[in-house]
Amino acid sequence: MTRKGFDIQFNWIFVMIAGALILGFFFTIAQKQRALSTEHLQRTLAVEVEEIFVDALVSKGTSQSLPLPEALEFDCEKGCVCDLKIASAKEPFGDKAIFAPQRVSGQDALVWTLDWKQPYRVMNFLFVTNPSIKYYFVYQSQQGKLLVDQLVKGLPPPIKKSGKVVTQIDFGIVPKENLSVLTAEAYDQVKFVFVLFDPNVLGSLVPASFFRESQVSAINIEQDKLEFYEGKGSSLVMPNPPESYAGLPMLYAAMFAQNNVMYECGMRTAIRKLSYLSQLYLERAATLQDAVLQGDVPRTWCEYGNKANPQVSNPTIIDLLSQQHDLAKKLMSQPQLSVSELKKLDDLQARLDEKNRNDIVLKSCPEVF
């Protein structure tokens, strides 16, 4: 081979190598740009979904369908670090009480809000589910059936879709004796809501076919506690200690929450808001007490109370709000929400409602809330 031929062949090899490097460079740039565009899109979607949740939380007792361009994932870790995820994009829950399964995908999501009152509205709970998830309410006594009826009655009502009346949340009601003959259906996830069951028998109650077909979880509602179960093998196990509750909104929170961590984080968010609002209403009541005693004709029949002189035998609305504020702070300081303290919170709600109605509204006095 002549030197000239060798030079030409070498030049072609050089051109090929240089061309491959240039193509590789632009291919890498294109891949990175694509990844950045995908990440930006996912981030935008996460922000938009979070904004939809914010809008939903403004209205009480409403439900709406949310189209899913991509799967939604919800996660709460110990320490209450809670995030909404779309692929690699994250949006923190912030000051929202959201209760949802770990993953919602495939179809439109249902977003339902329910207000939590003490007796004034503290905040809305936000529940997320979709048609790929089915809930089974299981009872074994008349008392259990009454509670199941209450829970079902409070769910979002059926709607018309394509000329048919359909339920917004797919559920079934099953007496204990019929559970063994129940057959699994084509659902991604199944959640059993057991009402007033002996926890020692729950592990073997669910037919094995459900564990083969779906991701299975459960809660057991007892008189004074909530137990959260996960499917393991062909049975249910309770990996964490029971939680406490008071009132139907907390039961719905447990029903829709993926586990006890999400449930407790959501409730701590609500109780933190309660601590803040009870102090605000306490100050408002004190201001109103001063206002009604001023003027040409003091309205002495309007009694809100005195922060400096609390009444024990017949507490005023200021006394009750002060107790509520202290109780909320106490609950926030506990490592786990106490059932006895939550029951006290429930009792204070009823007493505040009665006091506001009888001593304020019926006497035509300026309302506290």
Protein backbone atom coordinates (compact mmCIF):
# COMPACT_ATOMS: atom_id res chain seq x y z
CA MET A 1 0.00 0.00 0.00
CA THR A 2 1.32 3.41 -0.97
CA ARG A 3 1.75 6.17 1.58
CA LYS A 4 -1.02 8.15 -0.11
CA GLY A 5 -3.47 5.24 0.18
CA PHE A 6 -2.52 4.74 3.82
CA ASP A 7 -3.15 8.44 4.56
CA ILE A 8 -6.60 8.29 2.92
CA GLN A 9 -7.55 5.17 4.90
CA PHE A 10 -6.37 6.77 8.16
CA ASN A 11 -8.38 9.92 7.40
CA TRP A 12 -11.53 7.85 6.93
CA ILE A 13 -10.96 6.07 10.25
CA PHE A 14 -10.42 9.43 11.93
CA VAL A 15 -13.62 10.82 10.37
CA MET A 16 -15.60 7.79 11.55
CA ILE A 17 -14.25 8.03 15.10
CA ALA A 18 -14.79 11.79 15.24
CA GLY A 19 -18.30 11.39 13.81
CA ALA A 20 -19.16 8.72 16.39
CA LEU A 21 -17.92 10.97 19.19
CA ILE A 22 -19.92 13.92 17.87
CA LEU A 23 -23.05 11.77 17.48
CA GLY A 24 -22.53 10.35 20.96
CA PHE A 25 -22.18 13.85 22.37
CA PHE A 26 -25.43 15.05 20.80
CA PHE A 27 -27.20 11.81 21.75
CA THR A 28 -26.14 12.32 25.38
CA ILE A 29 -27.33 15.94 25.27
CA ALA A 30 -30.66 14.82 23.79
CA GLN A 31 -31.09 12.15 26.47
CA LYS A 32 -30.31 14.61 29.23
CA GLN A 33 -32.69 17.16 27.72
CA ARG A 34 -35.38 14.50 27.49
CA ALA A 35 -34.82 13.50 31.11
CA LEU A 36 -34.97 17.16 32.19
CA SER A 37 -38.18 17.69 30.19
CA THR A 38 -39.74 14.57 31.72
CA GLU A 39 -38.69 15.66 35.20
CA HIS A 40 -40.07 19.16 34.58
CA LEU A 41 -43.37 17.68 33.35
CA GLN A 42 -43.63 15.41 36.37
CA ARG A 43 -42.85 18.32 38.66
CA THR A 44 -45.51 20.44 36.95
CA LEU A 45 -48.07 17.64 37.29
CA ALA A 46 -47.24 17.20 40.98
CA VAL A 47 -47.71 20.93 41.60
CA GLU A 48 -50.99 20.96 39.66
CA VAL A 49 -52.35 17.96 41.59
CA GLU A 50 -51.33 19.61 44.85
CA GLU A 51 -53.19 22.77 43.77
CA ILE A 52 -56.29 20.68 43.02
CA PHE A 53 -56.05 19.27 46.54
CA VAL A 54 -55.79 22.79 47.97
CA ASP A 55 -58.92 23.84 46.04
CA ALA A 56 -60.78 20.71 47.19
CA LEU A 57 -59.91 21.40 50.83
CA VAL A 58 -61.67 24.78 50.67
CA SER A 59 -65.09 23.11 50.24
CA LYS A 60 -66.56 20.75 52.82
CA GLY A 61 -68.32 17.49 52.03
CA THR A 62 -67.57 17.55 48.30
CA SER A 63 -66.24 14.87 45.97
CA GLN A 64 -64.71 15.22 42.54
CA SER A 65 -63.03 13.09 39.91
CA LEU A 66 -59.37 13.73 39.14
CA PRO A 67 -57.97 12.45 35.80
CA LEU A 68 -54.67 10.63 36.27
CA PRO A 69 -52.05 11.32 33.58
CA GLU A 70 -49.63 9.31 35.72
CA ALA A 71 -49.84 7.24 38.88
CA LEU A 72 -50.03 9.10 42.19
CA GLU A 73 -48.06 7.81 45.15
CA PHE A 74 -48.50 8.88 48.76
CA ASP A 75 -45.99 8.28 51.50
CA CYS A 76 -45.66 9.16 55.18
CA GLU A 77 -42.59 8.29 57.20
CA LYS A 78 -42.15 8.35 60.95
CA GLY A 79 -41.57 11.92 62.00
CA CYS A 80 -44.48 12.84 59.70
CA VAL A 81 -42.52 13.55 56.54
CA CYS A 82 -45.40 13.11 54.08
CA ASP A 83 -45.19 13.54 50.30
CA LEU A 84 -47.28 13.25 47.17
CA LYS A 85 -45.18 11.73 44.37
CA ILE A 86 -45.48 11.54 40.59
CA ALA A 87 -42.52 9.43 39.44
CA SER A 88 -39.48 11.26 40.86
CA ALA A 89 -41.31 14.56 41.56
CA LYS A 90 -42.41 15.24 45.14
CA GLU A 91 -44.77 17.70 46.79
CA PRO A 92 -44.99 17.71 50.61
CA PHE A 93 -48.40 17.51 52.31
CA GLY A 94 -47.60 20.67 54.24
CA ASP A 95 -50.48 21.56 56.57
CA LYS A 96 -52.99 19.29 54.79
CA ALA A 97 -54.50 16.17 56.35
CA ILE A 98 -54.48 13.71 53.43
CA PHE A 99 -55.48 10.05 53.75
CA ALA A 100 -54.79 7.83 50.73
CA PRO A 101 -53.48 4.42 49.64
CA GLN A 102 -49.82 4.09 48.76
CA ARG A 103 -50.54 4.12 45.03
CA VAL A 104 -53.48 5.31 42.93
CA SER A 105 -53.20 4.48 39.23
CA GLY A 106 -54.97 3.36 36.08
CA GLN A 107 -58.14 5.42 36.26
CA ASP A 108 -59.51 8.67 37.57
CA ALA A 109 -58.95 9.27 41.26
CA LEU A 110 -61.78 10.25 43.58
CA VAL A 111 -61.01 13.18 45.88
CA TRP A 112 -63.44 13.56 48.79
CA THR A 113 -63.34 16.13 51.58
CA LEU A 114 -65.00 15.94 55.00
CA ASP A 115 -64.87 18.68 57.60
CA TRP A 116 -63.60 18.00 61.14
CA LYS A 117 -65.51 20.08 63.69
CA GLN A 118 -64.77 20.80 67.35
CA PRO A 119 -67.63 22.11 67.11
CA TYR A 120 -66.42 24.88 64.78
CA ARG A 121 -64.74 23.70 61.60
CA VAL A 122 -61.08 23.06 62.29
CA MET A 123 -60.10 21.80 58.83
CA ASN A 124 -61.15 19.46 56.04
CA PHE A 125 -59.84 15.92 55.82
CA LEU A 126 -58.98 14.92 52.24
CA PHE A 127 -59.52 11.30 51.19
CA VAL A 128 -58.20 9.84 47.92
CA THR A 129 -59.18 6.54 46.28
CA ASN A 130 -60.19 5.20 42.84
CA PRO A 131 -62.24 2.41 41.18
CA SER A 132 -59.34 -0.06 41.28
CA ILE A 133 -59.73 -0.23 45.09
CA LYS A 134 -62.62 -2.02 46.81
CA TYR A 135 -63.65 -1.73 50.45
CA TYR A 136 -65.48 -4.45 52.37
CA PHE A 137 -67.33 -3.60 55.59
CA VAL A 138 -67.51 -6.74 57.72
CA TYR A 139 -69.58 -7.03 60.93
CA GLN A 140 -70.58 -9.83 63.28
CA SER A 141 -73.07 -8.20 65.69
CA GLN A 142 -76.05 -5.86 65.58
CA GLN A 143 -73.95 -3.15 67.18
CA GLY A 144 -71.35 -3.62 64.46
CA LYS A 145 -74.02 -3.43 61.74
CA LEU A 146 -75.29 -0.11 63.14
CA LEU A 147 -71.80 1.38 62.89
CA VAL A 148 -71.35 0.01 59.37
CA ASP A 149 -74.67 1.61 58.37
CA GLN A 150 -73.42 4.95 59.75
CA LEU A 151 -70.15 4.69 57.83
CA VAL A 152 -71.85 3.76 54.56
CA LYS A 153 -74.46 6.52 54.94
CA GLY A 154 -71.70 9.13 55.24
CA LEU A 155 -69.88 8.11 52.02
CA PRO A 156 -70.25 10.25 48.86
CA PRO A 157 -73.63 9.48 47.20
CA PRO A 158 -73.95 7.62 43.88
CA ILE A 159 -73.74 9.67 40.68
CA LYS A 160 -74.97 9.29 37.10
CA LYS A 161 -72.26 8.24 34.65
CA SER A 162 -72.95 7.35 31.01
CA GLY A 163 -76.64 7.10 31.83
CA LYS A 164 -76.06 4.70 34.75
CA VAL A 165 -76.13 5.29 38.49
CA VAL A 166 -72.78 4.23 39.95
CA THR A 167 -71.20 4.46 43.39
CA GLN A 168 -68.25 6.80 43.70
CA ILE A 169 -66.52 4.47 46.15
CA ASP A 170 -66.75 0.75 45.41
CA PHE A 171 -67.71 -1.15 48.56
CA GLY A 172 -69.51 -4.22 49.83
CA ILE A 173 -71.23 -5.03 53.13
CA VAL A 174 -70.57 -8.55 54.40
CA PRO A 175 -71.81 -10.33 57.55
CA LYS A 176 -69.08 -12.44 59.13
CA GLU A 177 -70.80 -15.71 58.20
CA ASN A 178 -70.68 -14.81 54.49
CA LEU A 179 -67.01 -13.80 54.45
CA SER A 180 -65.68 -17.34 53.96
CA VAL A 181 -67.63 -17.80 50.69
CA LEU A 182 -66.69 -14.38 49.30
CA THR A 183 -64.65 -14.60 46.09
CA ALA A 184 -61.91 -12.22 44.96
CA GLU A 185 -62.61 -9.86 42.08
CA ALA A 186 -60.33 -8.01 39.66
CA TYR A 187 -59.19 -5.17 41.94
CA ASP A 188 -55.65 -3.93 42.39
CA GLN A 189 -56.24 -3.34 46.10
CA VAL A 190 -58.79 -4.58 48.62
CA LYS A 191 -59.32 -3.11 52.09
CA PHE A 192 -61.41 -4.81 54.76
CA VAL A 193 -63.05 -2.69 57.44
CA PHE A 194 -63.78 -5.04 60.32
CA VAL A 195 -66.13 -3.68 62.97
CA LEU A 196 -65.91 -4.87 66.59
CA PHE A 197 -64.03 -8.11 65.89
CA ASP A 198 -61.78 -10.18 68.12
CA PRO A 199 -58.31 -9.31 66.74
CA ASN A 200 -57.05 -12.84 67.43
CA VAL A 201 -59.23 -14.29 64.67
CA LEU A 202 -58.66 -11.66 61.95
CA GLY A 203 -55.53 -13.23 60.47
CA SER A 204 -57.40 -16.25 59.10
CA LEU A 205 -60.77 -14.70 58.20
CA VAL A 206 -60.03 -13.40 54.70
CA PRO A 207 -60.24 -16.09 51.95
CA ALA A 208 -56.86 -16.97 50.45
CA SER A 209 -58.02 -16.03 46.94
CA PHE A 210 -57.92 -12.33 47.87
CA PHE A 211 -54.21 -12.46 48.67
CA ARG A 212 -53.49 -14.03 45.26
CA GLU A 213 -55.51 -11.49 43.28
CA SER A 214 -55.02 -8.18 45.11
CA GLN A 215 -52.95 -6.21 47.56
CA VAL A 216 -54.84 -6.72 50.83
CA SER A 217 -54.99 -4.56 53.95
CA ALA A 218 -57.49 -4.06 56.76
CA ILE A 219 -58.47 -2.08 59.81
CA ASN A 220 -60.34 -3.34 62.84
CA ILE A 221 -62.56 -0.83 64.64
CA GLU A 222 -62.91 -1.67 68.33
CA GLN A 223 -64.72 0.26 71.04
CA ASP A 224 -61.74 2.43 71.95
CA LYS A 225 -58.98 1.73 69.43
CA LEU A 226 -58.07 1.11 65.80
CA GLU A 227 -55.90 -1.73 64.55
CA PHE A 228 -54.11 -1.53 61.18
CA TYR A 229 -53.34 -4.78 59.32
CA GLU A 230 -51.24 -5.64 56.27
CA GLY A 231 -51.46 -8.69 54.05
CA LYS A 232 -48.57 -11.10 54.52
CA GLY A 233 -48.58 -14.42 52.70
CA SER A 234 -52.20 -15.54 52.95
CA SER A 235 -53.12 -13.82 56.22
CA LEU A 236 -53.30 -10.44 57.95
CA VAL A 237 -50.70 -9.21 60.42
CA MET A 238 -50.64 -6.14 62.64
CA PRO A 239 -47.09 -4.67 62.43
CA ASN A 240 -47.67 -1.70 64.74
CA PRO A 241 -49.51 -0.96 67.99
CA PRO A 242 -53.17 0.17 67.83
CA GLU A 243 -54.19 3.80 67.33
CA SER A 244 -56.92 5.86 69.02
CA TYR A 245 -59.95 7.59 67.53
CA ALA A 246 -63.02 9.64 68.44
CA GLY A 247 -65.88 10.20 65.99
CA LEU A 248 -66.73 9.17 62.43
CA PRO A 249 -64.29 11.52 60.61
CA MET A 250 -61.38 9.73 62.29
CA LEU A 251 -62.81 6.36 61.24
CA TYR A 252 -62.95 7.50 57.61
CA ALA A 253 -59.34 8.72 57.98
CA ALA A 254 -58.31 5.23 59.14
CA MET A 255 -60.30 3.60 56.34
CA PHE A 256 -58.57 5.57 53.57
CA ALA A 257 -55.08 5.89 55.10
CA GLN A 258 -52.51 3.41 53.83
CA ASN A 259 -51.25 2.66 57.35
CA ASN A 260 -51.17 3.86 60.95
CA VAL A 261 -48.29 6.29 60.24
CA MET A 262 -50.31 8.27 57.69
CA TYR A 263 -53.35 8.17 59.98
CA GLU A 264 -51.48 9.54 62.98
CA CYS A 265 -49.64 12.18 60.93
CA GLY A 266 -52.94 13.46 59.53
CA MET A 267 -54.52 13.58 62.97
CA ARG A 268 -51.54 15.43 64.44
CA THR A 269 -51.87 18.01 61.66
CA ALA A 270 -55.55 18.47 62.58
CA ILE A 271 -54.87 18.70 66.32
CA ARG A 272 -52.10 21.24 65.74
CA LYS A 273 -54.63 23.37 63.83
CA LEU A 274 -57.13 22.88 66.67
CA SER A 275 -54.61 24.16 69.21
CA TYR A 276 -54.14 27.32 67.15
CA LEU A 277 -57.85 27.94 66.47
CA SER A 278 -59.01 27.29 70.04
CA GLN A 279 -56.64 30.01 71.22
CA LEU A 280 -58.00 32.42 68.59
CA TYR A 281 -61.61 31.75 69.59
CA LEU A 282 -60.68 32.11 73.25
CA GLU A 283 -59.29 35.59 72.57
CA ARG A 284 -62.37 36.45 70.51
CA ALA A 285 -64.67 35.38 73.36
CA ALA A 286 -62.70 37.54 75.81
CA THR A 287 -63.00 40.52 73.44
CA LEU A 288 -66.77 39.98 73.09
CA GLN A 289 -67.16 39.79 76.88
CA ASP A 290 -65.62 43.25 77.20
CA ALA A 291 -67.70 44.61 74.31
CA VAL A 292 -71.15 43.53 75.61
CA LEU A 293 -70.56 45.24 78.97
CA GLN A 294 -69.86 48.58 77.34
CA GLY A 295 -72.33 51.10 75.97
CA ASP A 296 -75.46 52.73 77.39
CA VAL A 297 -77.22 49.40 77.99
CA PRO A 298 -74.75 46.67 79.00
CA ARG A 299 -75.91 43.22 77.90
CA THR A 300 -75.23 41.47 81.18
CA TRP A 301 -77.11 38.37 80.07
CA CYS A 302 -74.37 37.67 77.51
CA GLU A 303 -71.81 35.74 79.52
CA TYR A 304 -68.66 34.47 77.83
CA GLY A 305 -66.51 34.12 80.95
CA ASN A 306 -63.31 35.51 82.36
CA LYS A 307 -59.87 34.07 81.68
CA ALA A 308 -58.62 35.30 85.05
CA ASN A 309 -61.53 33.76 86.98
CA PRO A 310 -62.32 30.27 85.60
CA GLN A 311 -65.58 28.58 86.65
CA VAL A 312 -65.35 24.94 87.71
CA SER A 313 -68.92 23.90 88.49
CA ASN A 314 -70.49 25.70 85.53
CA PRO A 315 -67.70 26.44 83.03
CA THR A 316 -68.20 29.28 80.58
CA ILE A 317 -67.38 29.17 76.89
CA ILE A 318 -64.00 30.77 77.67
CA ASP A 319 -63.31 28.04 80.24
CA LEU A 320 -64.19 25.30 77.75
CA LEU A 321 -62.08 26.84 74.98
CA SER A 322 -59.18 27.11 77.41
CA GLN A 323 -59.56 23.42 78.31
CA GLN A 324 -59.71 22.53 74.61
CA HIS A 325 -56.54 24.49 73.89
CA ASP A 326 -54.65 22.84 76.77
CA LEU A 327 -55.88 19.38 75.73
CA ALA A 328 -54.78 19.89 72.12
CA LYS A 329 -51.31 20.93 73.30
CA LYS A 330 -51.16 17.87 75.55
CA LEU A 331 -52.12 15.56 72.68
CA MET A 332 -49.42 17.09 70.49
CA SER A 333 -46.77 16.39 73.13
CA GLN A 334 -47.65 12.68 73.42
CA PRO A 335 -45.61 10.10 71.48
CA GLN A 336 -48.90 8.37 70.57
CA LEU A 337 -52.40 9.84 70.61
CA SER A 338 -54.18 8.82 73.81
CA VAL A 339 -57.68 7.38 73.58
CA SER A 340 -58.68 8.91 76.91
CA GLU A 341 -57.56 12.38 75.82
CA LEU A 342 -59.33 12.04 72.45
CA LYS A 343 -62.52 11.07 74.28
CA LYS A 344 -62.15 14.22 76.39
CA LEU A 345 -61.80 16.20 73.17
CA ASP A 346 -65.03 14.62 71.91
CA ASP A 347 -66.78 15.53 75.16
CA LEU A 348 -65.53 19.12 75.00
CA GLN A 349 -66.89 19.42 71.46
CA ALA A 350 -70.39 18.51 72.66
CA ARG A 351 -70.21 20.85 75.66
CA LEU A 352 -68.94 23.75 73.56
CA ASP A 353 -71.72 23.23 71.03
CA GLU A 354 -74.35 23.22 73.78
CA LYS A 355 -72.87 26.25 75.54
CA ASN A 356 -72.64 28.24 72.30
CA ARG A 357 -76.24 27.41 71.40
CA ASN A 358 -77.87 27.97 74.81
CA ASP A 359 -75.82 30.84 76.26
CA ILE A 360 -74.95 32.73 73.10
CA VAL A 361 -77.21 32.05 70.10
CA LEU A 362 -80.54 31.68 71.93
CA LYS A 363 -79.86 34.85 73.92
CA SER A 364 -79.10 36.82 70.72
CA CYS A 365 -75.55 37.56 71.82
CA PRO A 366 -72.64 38.04 69.39
CA GLU A 367 -71.47 34.58 68.31
CA VAL A 368 -67.99 33.31 69.08
CA PHE A 369 -67.98 30.85 66.16
